[in-house]
Amino acid sequence: MSEAATNLIDLVEHDPDLYVAAEAVTALEKIGTPDALYGIERAASHESFVVRERAVEALVAAGGEWADAASEIAENDPSPSVREAAQSNPAKKDPLARHL
């Protein structure tokens, strides 16, 4: 796993600021390696729905098996916005701006 992906996953899992964690998910999405996508999949179980929503959107954008995983993860999420994220095109909205 790359050092960058490792550091970003650490931010997602340990930074108390949910917006830092959500931005770390965005950075992992840009890296786009399987390790980074695995970190995003882990972020989909974050305590904050903002981070979970961003993670689901990133997995949907990755397509294929990652999009399938996003649908499965989101299906039972308590947050309607996370469930909706699995059905939407992440390029059409900015989830962070909606929660500011």
PDB file of N, CA and C in Angstrom:
ATOM      1  N   MET A   1       0.853  -1.171   0.000  1.00  0.00           N
ATOM      2  CA  MET A   1       0.000   0.000   0.000  1.00  0.00           C
ATOM      3  C   MET A   1       0.898   1.232   0.000  1.00  0.00           C
ATOM      4  N   SER A   2       0.512   2.229  -0.769  1.00  0.00           N
ATOM      5  CA  SER A   2       1.318   3.444  -0.832  1.00  0.00           C
ATOM      6  C   SER A   2       1.244   4.206   0.487  1.00  0.00           C
ATOM      7  N   GLU A   3       2.287   4.960   0.750  1.00  0.00           N
ATOM      8  CA  GLU A   3       2.323   5.757   1.974  1.00  0.00           C
ATOM      9  C   GLU A   3       1.196   6.785   1.980  1.00  0.00           C
ATOM     10  N   ALA A   4       0.911   7.369   0.822  1.00  0.00           N
ATOM     11  CA  ALA A   4      -0.165   8.361   0.744  1.00  0.00           C
ATOM     12  C   ALA A   4      -1.508   7.734   1.109  1.00  0.00           C
ATOM     13  N   ALA A   5      -1.805   6.578   0.534  1.00  0.00           N
ATOM     14  CA  ALA A   5      -3.071   5.907   0.840  1.00  0.00           C
ATOM     15  C   ALA A   5      -3.135   5.540   2.321  1.00  0.00           C
ATOM     16  N   THR A   6      -2.045   5.039   2.855  1.00  0.00           N
ATOM     17  CA  THR A   6      -2.005   4.673   4.274  1.00  0.00           C
ATOM     18  C   THR A   6      -2.290   5.881   5.155  1.00  0.00           C
ATOM     19  N   ASN A   7      -1.658   7.000   4.850  1.00  0.00           N
ATOM     20  CA  ASN A   7      -1.859   8.221   5.639  1.00  0.00           C
ATOM     21  C   ASN A   7      -3.292   8.729   5.534  1.00  0.00           C
ATOM     22  N   LEU A   8      -3.862   8.650   4.336  1.00  0.00           N
ATOM     23  CA  LEU A   8      -5.236   9.116   4.158  1.00  0.00           C
ATOM     24  C   LEU A   8      -6.232   8.210   4.879  1.00  0.00           C
ATOM     25  N   ILE A   9      -6.015   6.925   4.821  1.00  0.00           N
ATOM     26  CA  ILE A   9      -6.887   5.991   5.542  1.00  0.00           C
ATOM     27  C   ILE A   9      -6.806   6.264   7.038  1.00  0.00           C
ATOM     28  N   ASP A  10      -5.601   6.559   7.517  1.00  0.00           N
ATOM     29  CA  ASP A  10      -5.430   6.901   8.929  1.00  0.00           C
ATOM     30  C   ASP A  10      -6.233   8.160   9.281  1.00  0.00           C
ATOM     31  N   LEU A  11      -6.226   9.152   8.404  1.00  0.00           N
ATOM     32  CA  LEU A  11      -7.029  10.358   8.633  1.00  0.00           C
ATOM     33  C   LEU A  11      -8.515  10.019   8.714  1.00  0.00           C
ATOM     34  N   VAL A  12      -8.975   9.213   7.785  1.00  0.00           N
ATOM     35  CA  VAL A  12     -10.397   8.837   7.774  1.00  0.00           C
ATOM     36  C   VAL A  12     -10.772   8.169   9.100  1.00  0.00           C
ATOM     37  N   GLU A  13      -9.928   7.291   9.558  1.00  0.00           N
ATOM     38  CA  GLU A  13     -10.260   6.488  10.726  1.00  0.00           C
ATOM     39  C   GLU A  13     -10.007   7.182  12.067  1.00  0.00           C
ATOM     40  N   HIS A  14      -9.136   8.201  12.080  1.00  0.00           N
ATOM     41  CA  HIS A  14      -8.743   8.751  13.379  1.00  0.00           C
ATOM     42  C   HIS A  14      -8.911  10.260  13.532  1.00  0.00           C
ATOM     43  N   ASP A  15      -9.101  11.007  12.464  1.00  0.00           N
ATOM     44  CA  ASP A  15      -9.239  12.454  12.618  1.00  0.00           C
ATOM     45  C   ASP A  15     -10.624  12.771  13.172  1.00  0.00           C
ATOM     46  N   PRO A  16     -10.705  13.575  14.220  1.00  0.00           N
ATOM     47  CA  PRO A  16     -12.015  13.883  14.810  1.00  0.00           C
ATOM     48  C   PRO A  16     -12.878  14.817  13.955  1.00  0.00           C
ATOM     49  N   ASP A  17     -12.273  15.478  12.986  1.00  0.00           N
ATOM     50  CA  ASP A  17     -13.025  16.396  12.118  1.00  0.00           C
ATOM     51  C   ASP A  17     -13.612  15.599  10.951  1.00  0.00           C
ATOM     52  N   LEU A  18     -14.939  15.494  10.914  1.00  0.00           N
ATOM     53  CA  LEU A  18     -15.578  14.688   9.877  1.00  0.00           C
ATOM     54  C   LEU A  18     -15.334  15.239   8.477  1.00  0.00           C
ATOM     55  N   TYR A  19     -15.132  16.528   8.355  1.00  0.00           N
ATOM     56  CA  TYR A  19     -14.874  17.097   7.028  1.00  0.00           C
ATOM     57  C   TYR A  19     -13.464  16.767   6.542  1.00  0.00           C
ATOM     58  N   VAL A  20     -12.515  16.677   7.464  1.00  0.00           N
ATOM     59  CA  VAL A  20     -11.169  16.213   7.095  1.00  0.00           C
ATOM     60  C   VAL A  20     -11.259  14.771   6.611  1.00  0.00           C
ATOM     61  N   ALA A  21     -12.011  13.961   7.340  1.00  0.00           N
ATOM     62  CA  ALA A  21     -12.178  12.558   6.950  1.00  0.00           C
ATOM     63  C   ALA A  21     -12.846  12.441   5.584  1.00  0.00           C
ATOM     64  N   ALA A  22     -13.862  13.247   5.332  1.00  0.00           N
ATOM     65  CA  ALA A  22     -14.551  13.202   4.037  1.00  0.00           C
ATOM     66  C   ALA A  22     -13.625  13.646   2.907  1.00  0.00           C
ATOM     67  N   GLU A  23     -12.808  14.654   3.149  1.00  0.00           N
ATOM     68  CA  GLU A  23     -11.850  15.094   2.133  1.00  0.00           C
ATOM     69  C   GLU A  23     -10.771  14.044   1.901  1.00  0.00           C
ATOM     70  N   ALA A  24     -10.415  13.307   2.949  1.00  0.00           N
ATOM     71  CA  ALA A  24      -9.450  12.220   2.784  1.00  0.00           C
ATOM     72  C   ALA A  24     -10.035  11.132   1.882  1.00  0.00           C
ATOM     73  N   VAL A  25     -11.337  10.886   1.992  1.00  0.00           N
ATOM     74  CA  VAL A  25     -11.998   9.936   1.085  1.00  0.00           C
ATOM     75  C   VAL A  25     -11.888  10.437  -0.355  1.00  0.00           C
ATOM     76  N   THR A  26     -12.111  11.725  -0.564  1.00  0.00           N
ATOM     77  CA  THR A  26     -11.984  12.303  -1.905  1.00  0.00           C
ATOM     78  C   THR A  26     -10.567  12.119  -2.440  1.00  0.00           C
ATOM     79  N   ALA A  27      -9.576  12.330  -1.603  1.00  0.00           N
ATOM     80  CA  ALA A  27      -8.180  12.138  -2.027  1.00  0.00           C
ATOM     81  C   ALA A  27      -7.908  10.671  -2.361  1.00  0.00           C
ATOM     82  N   LEU A  28      -8.452   9.761  -1.566  1.00  0.00           N
ATOM     83  CA  LEU A  28      -8.298   8.335  -1.875  1.00  0.00           C
ATOM     84  C   LEU A  28      -8.945   8.001  -3.218  1.00  0.00           C
ATOM     85  N   GLU A  29     -10.089   8.615  -3.478  1.00  0.00           N
ATOM     86  CA  GLU A  29     -10.765   8.395  -4.765  1.00  0.00           C
ATOM     87  C   GLU A  29      -9.868   8.835  -5.922  1.00  0.00           C
ATOM     88  N   LYS A  30      -9.179   9.948  -5.753  1.00  0.00           N
ATOM     89  CA  LYS A  30      -8.291  10.445  -6.806  1.00  0.00           C
ATOM     90  C   LYS A  30      -7.092   9.528  -7.011  1.00  0.00           C
ATOM     91  N   ILE A  31      -6.607   8.922  -5.933  1.00  0.00           N
ATOM     92  CA  ILE A  31      -5.514   7.958  -6.064  1.00  0.00           C
ATOM     93  C   ILE A  31      -5.997   6.770  -6.883  1.00  0.00           C
ATOM     94  N   GLY A  32      -7.161   6.243  -6.521  1.00  0.00           N
ATOM     95  CA  GLY A  32      -7.839   5.246  -7.340  1.00  0.00           C
ATOM     96  C   GLY A  32      -7.255   3.844  -7.401  1.00  0.00           C
ATOM     97  N   THR A  33      -6.220   3.564  -6.639  1.00  0.00           N
ATOM     98  CA  THR A  33      -5.645   2.219  -6.647  1.00  0.00           C
ATOM     99  C   THR A  33      -6.561   1.268  -5.868  1.00  0.00           C
ATOM    100  N   PRO A  34      -6.402  -0.023  -6.058  1.00  0.00           N
ATOM    101  CA  PRO A  34      -7.209  -0.965  -5.268  1.00  0.00           C
ATOM    102  C   PRO A  34      -7.068  -0.755  -3.755  1.00  0.00           C
ATOM    103  N   ASP A  35      -5.857  -0.448  -3.285  1.00  0.00           N
ATOM    104  CA  ASP A  35      -5.668  -0.189  -1.860  1.00  0.00           C
ATOM    105  C   ASP A  35      -6.455   1.039  -1.412  1.00  0.00           C
ATOM    106  N   ALA A  36      -6.429   2.087  -2.222  1.00  0.00           N
ATOM    107  CA  ALA A  36      -7.174   3.300  -1.891  1.00  0.00           C
ATOM    108  C   ALA A  36      -8.675   3.019  -1.886  1.00  0.00           C
ATOM    109  N   LEU A  37      -9.145   2.246  -2.852  1.00  0.00           N
ATOM    110  CA  LEU A  37     -10.570   1.907  -2.904  1.00  0.00           C
ATOM    111  C   LEU A  37     -10.979   1.029  -1.722  1.00  0.00           C
ATOM    112  N   TYR A  38     -10.095   0.156  -1.298  1.00  0.00           N
ATOM    113  CA  TYR A  38     -10.362  -0.638  -0.103  1.00  0.00           C
ATOM    114  C   TYR A  38     -10.509   0.287   1.109  1.00  0.00           C
ATOM    115  N   GLY A  39      -9.667   1.299   1.204  1.00  0.00           N
ATOM    116  CA  GLY A  39      -9.779   2.276   2.289  1.00  0.00           C
ATOM    117  C   GLY A  39     -11.093   3.025   2.230  1.00  0.00           C
ATOM    118  N   ILE A  40     -11.542   3.346   1.027  1.00  0.00           N
ATOM    119  CA  ILE A  40     -12.840   4.010   0.870  1.00  0.00           C
ATOM    120  C   ILE A  40     -13.959   3.073   1.329  1.00  0.00           C
ATOM    121  N   GLU A  41     -13.840   1.811   0.974  1.00  0.00           N
ATOM    122  CA  GLU A  41     -14.855   0.841   1.406  1.00  0.00           C
ATOM    123  C   GLU A  41     -14.920   0.789   2.941  1.00  0.00           C
ATOM    124  N   ARG A  42     -13.778   0.842   3.581  1.00  0.00           N
ATOM    125  CA  ARG A  42     -13.756   0.882   5.053  1.00  0.00           C
ATOM    126  C   ARG A  42     -14.401   2.166   5.575  1.00  0.00           C
ATOM    127  N   ALA A  43     -14.192   3.274   4.866  1.00  0.00           N
ATOM    128  CA  ALA A  43     -14.773   4.550   5.281  1.00  0.00           C
ATOM    129  C   ALA A  43     -16.297   4.538   5.210  1.00  0.00           C
ATOM    130  N   ALA A  44     -16.851   3.637   4.420  1.00  0.00           N
ATOM    131  CA  ALA A  44     -18.305   3.547   4.298  1.00  0.00           C
ATOM    132  C   ALA A  44     -18.969   3.071   5.589  1.00  0.00           C
ATOM    133  N   SER A  45     -18.168   2.699   6.581  1.00  0.00           N
ATOM    134  CA  SER A  45     -18.729   2.328   7.880  1.00  0.00           C
ATOM    135  C   SER A  45     -18.361   3.345   8.973  1.00  0.00           C
ATOM    136  N   HIS A  46     -17.902   4.513   8.560  1.00  0.00           N
ATOM    137  CA  HIS A  46     -17.524   5.587   9.487  1.00  0.00           C
ATOM    138  C   HIS A  46     -18.735   5.988  10.336  1.00  0.00           C
ATOM    139  N   GLU A  47     -18.475   6.511  11.528  1.00  0.00           N
ATOM    140  CA  GLU A  47     -19.575   6.915  12.405  1.00  0.00           C
ATOM    141  C   GLU A  47     -20.374   8.099  11.850  1.00  0.00           C
ATOM    142  N   SER A  48     -19.760   8.935  11.033  1.00  0.00           N
ATOM    143  CA  SER A  48     -20.448  10.104  10.475  1.00  0.00           C
ATOM    144  C   SER A  48     -21.101   9.770   9.138  1.00  0.00           C
ATOM    145  N   PHE A  49     -22.376  10.136   9.025  1.00  0.00           N
ATOM    146  CA  PHE A  49     -23.056   9.886   7.757  1.00  0.00           C
ATOM    147  C   PHE A  49     -22.455  10.708   6.623  1.00  0.00           C
ATOM    148  N   VAL A  50     -21.848  11.836   6.918  1.00  0.00           N
ATOM    149  CA  VAL A  50     -21.223  12.662   5.875  1.00  0.00           C
ATOM    150  C   VAL A  50     -20.069  11.886   5.238  1.00  0.00           C
ATOM    151  N   VAL A  51     -19.264  11.249   6.052  1.00  0.00           N
ATOM    152  CA  VAL A  51     -18.136  10.465   5.548  1.00  0.00           C
ATOM    153  C   VAL A  51     -18.645   9.219   4.830  1.00  0.00           C
ATOM    154  N   ARG A  52     -19.650   8.555   5.416  1.00  0.00           N
ATOM    155  CA  ARG A  52     -20.210   7.357   4.767  1.00  0.00           C
ATOM    156  C   ARG A  52     -20.801   7.704   3.405  1.00  0.00           C
ATOM    157  N   GLU A  53     -21.504   8.820   3.328  1.00  0.00           N
ATOM    158  CA  GLU A  53     -22.098   9.257   2.066  1.00  0.00           C
ATOM    159  C   GLU A  53     -21.021   9.504   1.016  1.00  0.00           C
ATOM    160  N   ARG A  54     -19.972  10.199   1.404  1.00  0.00           N
ATOM    161  CA  ARG A  54     -18.873  10.499   0.473  1.00  0.00           C
ATOM    162  C   ARG A  54     -18.203   9.210   0.006  1.00  0.00           C
ATOM    163  N   ALA A  55     -18.041   8.262   0.936  1.00  0.00           N
ATOM    164  CA  ALA A  55     -17.415   6.984   0.585  1.00  0.00           C
ATOM    165  C   ALA A  55     -18.279   6.203  -0.400  1.00  0.00           C
ATOM    166  N   VAL A  56     -19.576   6.172  -0.161  1.00  0.00           N
ATOM    167  CA  VAL A  56     -20.474   5.459  -1.073  1.00  0.00           C
ATOM    168  C   VAL A  56     -20.442   6.105  -2.453  1.00  0.00           C
ATOM    169  N   GLU A  57     -20.460   7.421  -2.510  1.00  0.00           N
ATOM    170  CA  GLU A  57     -20.384   8.106  -3.801  1.00  0.00           C
ATOM    171  C   GLU A  57     -19.089   7.768  -4.537  1.00  0.00           C
ATOM    172  N   ALA A  58     -17.982   7.720  -3.804  1.00  0.00           N
ATOM    173  CA  ALA A  58     -16.694   7.397  -4.428  1.00  0.00           C
ATOM    174  C   ALA A  58     -16.686   5.965  -4.954  1.00  0.00           C
ATOM    175  N   LEU A  59     -17.275   5.054  -4.213  1.00  0.00           N
ATOM    176  CA  LEU A  59     -17.341   3.659  -4.675  1.00  0.00           C
ATOM    177  C   LEU A  59     -18.231   3.525  -5.897  1.00  0.00           C
ATOM    178  N   VAL A  60     -19.347   4.237  -5.910  1.00  0.00           N
ATOM    179  CA  VAL A  60     -20.232   4.220  -7.092  1.00  0.00           C
ATOM    180  C   VAL A  60     -19.470   4.740  -8.308  1.00  0.00           C
ATOM    181  N   ALA A  61     -18.729   5.820  -8.115  1.00  0.00           N
ATOM    182  CA  ALA A  61     -17.965   6.411  -9.222  1.00  0.00           C
ATOM    183  C   ALA A  61     -16.890   5.466  -9.737  1.00  0.00           C
ATOM    184  N   ALA A  62     -16.359   4.618  -8.853  1.00  0.00           N
ATOM    185  CA  ALA A  62     -15.327   3.662  -9.272  1.00  0.00           C
ATOM    186  C   ALA A  62     -15.908   2.577 -10.171  1.00  0.00           C
ATOM    187  N   GLY A  63     -17.192   2.331 -10.046  1.00  0.00           N
ATOM    188  CA  GLY A  63     -17.869   1.372 -10.916  1.00  0.00           C
ATOM    189  C   GLY A  63     -17.577  -0.081 -10.567  1.00  0.00           C
ATOM    190  N   GLY A  64     -18.128  -0.962 -11.383  1.00  0.00           N
ATOM    191  CA  GLY A  64     -17.886  -2.395 -11.249  1.00  0.00           C
ATOM    192  C   GLY A  64     -18.221  -2.950  -9.886  1.00  0.00           C
ATOM    193  N   GLU A  65     -17.328  -3.792  -9.394  1.00  0.00           N
ATOM    194  CA  GLU A  65     -17.557  -4.445  -8.099  1.00  0.00           C
ATOM    195  C   GLU A  65     -17.600  -3.444  -6.954  1.00  0.00           C
ATOM    196  N   TRP A  66     -16.917  -2.308  -7.118  1.00  0.00           N
ATOM    197  CA  TRP A  66     -16.945  -1.280  -6.071  1.00  0.00           C
ATOM    198  C   TRP A  66     -18.322  -0.646  -5.975  1.00  0.00           C
ATOM    199  N   ALA A  67     -18.957  -0.408  -7.116  1.00  0.00           N
ATOM    200  CA  ALA A  67     -20.314   0.138  -7.111  1.00  0.00           C
ATOM    201  C   ALA A  67     -21.292  -0.869  -6.504  1.00  0.00           C
ATOM    202  N   ASP A  68     -21.090  -2.144  -6.803  1.00  0.00           N
ATOM    203  CA  ASP A  68     -21.925  -3.187  -6.202  1.00  0.00           C
ATOM    204  C   ASP A  68     -21.757  -3.195  -4.686  1.00  0.00           C
ATOM    205  N   ALA A  69     -20.524  -3.061  -4.236  1.00  0.00           N
ATOM    206  CA  ALA A  69     -20.259  -3.019  -2.795  1.00  0.00           C
ATOM    207  C   ALA A  69     -20.935  -1.803  -2.167  1.00  0.00           C
ATOM    208  N   ALA A  70     -20.887  -0.667  -2.863  1.00  0.00           N
ATOM    209  CA  ALA A  70     -21.529   0.546  -2.348  1.00  0.00           C
ATOM    210  C   ALA A  70     -23.023   0.332  -2.163  1.00  0.00           C
ATOM    211  N   SER A  71     -23.652  -0.306  -3.116  1.00  0.00           N
ATOM    212  CA  SER A  71     -25.096  -0.574  -3.017  1.00  0.00           C
ATOM    213  C   SER A  71     -25.402  -1.468  -1.827  1.00  0.00           C
ATOM    214  N   GLU A  72     -24.605  -2.499  -1.646  1.00  0.00           N
ATOM    215  CA  GLU A  72     -24.822  -3.404  -0.515  1.00  0.00           C
ATOM    216  C   GLU A  72     -24.610  -2.702   0.823  1.00  0.00           C
ATOM    217  N   ILE A  73     -23.572  -1.907   0.897  1.00  0.00           N
ATOM    218  CA  ILE A  73     -23.271  -1.179   2.133  1.00  0.00           C
ATOM    219  C   ILE A  73     -24.389  -0.186   2.452  1.00  0.00           C
ATOM    220  N   ALA A  74     -24.789   0.576   1.446  1.00  0.00           N
ATOM    221  CA  ALA A  74     -25.762   1.645   1.659  1.00  0.00           C
ATOM    222  C   ALA A  74     -27.165   1.125   1.944  1.00  0.00           C
ATOM    223  N   GLU A  75     -27.470  -0.035   1.448  1.00  0.00           N
ATOM    224  CA  GLU A  75     -28.819  -0.588   1.580  1.00  0.00           C
ATOM    225  C   GLU A  75     -29.332  -0.582   3.018  1.00  0.00           C
ATOM    226  N   ASN A  76     -28.469  -0.871   3.963  1.00  0.00           N
ATOM    227  CA  ASN A  76     -28.884  -0.950   5.364  1.00  0.00           C
ATOM    228  C   ASN A  76     -28.394   0.216   6.217  1.00  0.00           C
ATOM    229  N   ASP A  77     -27.906   1.264   5.567  1.00  0.00           N
ATOM    230  CA  ASP A  77     -27.413   2.410   6.327  1.00  0.00           C
ATOM    231  C   ASP A  77     -28.601   3.161   6.937  1.00  0.00           C
ATOM    232  N   PRO A  78     -28.450   3.631   8.177  1.00  0.00           N
ATOM    233  CA  PRO A  78     -29.549   4.362   8.811  1.00  0.00           C
ATOM    234  C   PRO A  78     -29.821   5.744   8.205  1.00  0.00           C
ATOM    235  N   SER A  79     -28.865   6.278   7.449  1.00  0.00           N
ATOM    236  CA  SER A  79     -29.024   7.616   6.876  1.00  0.00           C
ATOM    237  C   SER A  79     -29.630   7.558   5.472  1.00  0.00           C
ATOM    238  N   PRO A  80     -30.736   8.266   5.267  1.00  0.00           N
ATOM    239  CA  PRO A  80     -31.321   8.309   3.923  1.00  0.00           C
ATOM    240  C   PRO A  80     -30.355   8.869   2.873  1.00  0.00           C
ATOM    241  N   SER A  81     -29.523   9.828   3.262  1.00  0.00           N
ATOM    242  CA  SER A  81     -28.604  10.423   2.281  1.00  0.00           C
ATOM    243  C   SER A  81     -27.542   9.420   1.829  1.00  0.00           C
ATOM    244  N   VAL A  82     -27.156   8.516   2.706  1.00  0.00           N
ATOM    245  CA  VAL A  82     -26.192   7.475   2.316  1.00  0.00           C
ATOM    246  C   VAL A  82     -26.867   6.488   1.372  1.00  0.00           C
ATOM    247  N   ARG A  83     -28.088   6.090   1.694  1.00  0.00           N
ATOM    248  CA  ARG A  83     -28.813   5.167   0.816  1.00  0.00           C
ATOM    249  C   ARG A  83     -29.035   5.801  -0.560  1.00  0.00           C
ATOM    250  N   GLU A  84     -29.360   7.081  -0.572  1.00  0.00           N
ATOM    251  CA  GLU A  84     -29.568   7.807  -1.829  1.00  0.00           C
ATOM    252  C   GLU A  84     -28.271   7.924  -2.634  1.00  0.00           C
ATOM    253  N   ALA A  85     -27.158   8.080  -1.948  1.00  0.00           N
ATOM    254  CA  ALA A  85     -25.864   8.233  -2.625  1.00  0.00           C
ATOM    255  C   ALA A  85     -25.532   7.023  -3.488  1.00  0.00           C
ATOM    256  N   ALA A  86     -25.989   5.864  -3.082  1.00  0.00           N
ATOM    257  CA  ALA A  86     -25.718   4.651  -3.856  1.00  0.00           C
ATOM    258  C   ALA A  86     -26.504   4.632  -5.158  1.00  0.00           C
ATOM    259  N   GLN A  87     -27.531   5.466  -5.248  1.00  0.00           N
ATOM    260  CA  GLN A  87     -28.381   5.499  -6.433  1.00  0.00           C
ATOM    261  C   GLN A  87     -28.105   6.682  -7.346  1.00  0.00           C
ATOM    262  N   SER A  88     -27.193   7.554  -6.942  1.00  0.00           N
ATOM    263  CA  SER A  88     -27.022   8.806  -7.681  1.00  0.00           C
ATOM    264  C   SER A  88     -25.672   8.896  -8.363  1.00  0.00           C
ATOM    265  N   ASN A  89     -25.571   9.894  -9.204  1.00  0.00           N
ATOM    266  CA  ASN A  89     -24.314  10.201  -9.881  1.00  0.00           C
ATOM    267  C   ASN A  89     -23.549  11.199  -9.020  1.00  0.00           C
ATOM    268  N   PRO A  90     -22.426  10.814  -8.425  1.00  0.00           N
ATOM    269  CA  PRO A  90     -21.712  11.714  -7.517  1.00  0.00           C
ATOM    270  C   PRO A  90     -21.186  12.971  -8.185  1.00  0.00           C
ATOM    271  N   ALA A  91     -21.063  12.982  -9.486  1.00  0.00           N
ATOM    272  CA  ALA A  91     -20.557  14.166 -10.171  1.00  0.00           C
ATOM    273  C   ALA A  91     -21.581  15.295 -10.176  1.00  0.00           C
ATOM    274  N   LYS A  92     -22.825  15.002  -9.865  1.00  0.00           N
ATOM    275  CA  LYS A  92     -23.885  16.001  -9.925  1.00  0.00           C
ATOM    276  C   LYS A  92     -24.052  16.811  -8.656  1.00  0.00           C
ATOM    277  N   LYS A  93     -23.339  16.434  -7.584  1.00  0.00           N
ATOM    278  CA  LYS A  93     -23.539  17.156  -6.344  1.00  0.00           C
ATOM    279  C   LYS A  93     -22.269  17.194  -5.508  1.00  0.00           C
ATOM    280  N   ASP A  94     -22.255  18.105  -4.558  1.00  0.00           N
ATOM    281  CA  ASP A  94     -21.148  18.227  -3.630  1.00  0.00           C
ATOM    282  C   ASP A  94     -21.686  17.887  -2.237  1.00  0.00           C
ATOM    283  N   PRO A  95     -21.436  16.675  -1.729  1.00  0.00           N
ATOM    284  CA  PRO A  95     -22.021  16.276  -0.455  1.00  0.00           C
ATOM    285  C   PRO A  95     -21.519  17.097   0.730  1.00  0.00           C
ATOM    286  N   LEU A  96     -20.315  17.618   0.630  1.00  0.00           N
ATOM    287  CA  LEU A  96     -19.797  18.405   1.741  1.00  0.00           C
ATOM    288  C   LEU A  96     -20.511  19.745   1.843  1.00  0.00           C
ATOM    289  N   ALA A  97     -20.755  20.377   0.734  1.00  0.00           N
ATOM    290  CA  ALA A  97     -21.424  21.676   0.750  1.00  0.00           C
ATOM    291  C   ALA A  97     -22.837  21.555   1.307  1.00  0.00           C
ATOM    292  N   ARG A  98     -23.491  20.461   1.051  1.00  0.00           N
ATOM    293  CA  ARG A  98     -24.862  20.265   1.502  1.00  0.00           C
ATOM    294  C   ARG A  98     -24.923  20.185   3.020  1.00  0.00           C
ATOM    295  N   HIS A  99     -23.837  19.788   3.680  1.00  0.00           N
ATOM    296  CA  HIS A  99     -23.860  19.595   5.128  1.00  0.00           C
ATOM    297  C   HIS A  99     -23.151  20.703   5.903  1.00  0.00           C
ATOM    298  N   LEU A 100     -22.767  21.758   5.240  1.00  0.00           N
ATOM    299  CA  LEU A 100     -22.089  22.864   5.938  1.00  0.00           C
ATOM    300  C   LEU A 100     -23.097  23.734   6.658  1.00  0.00           C
TER     301      LEU A 100
END
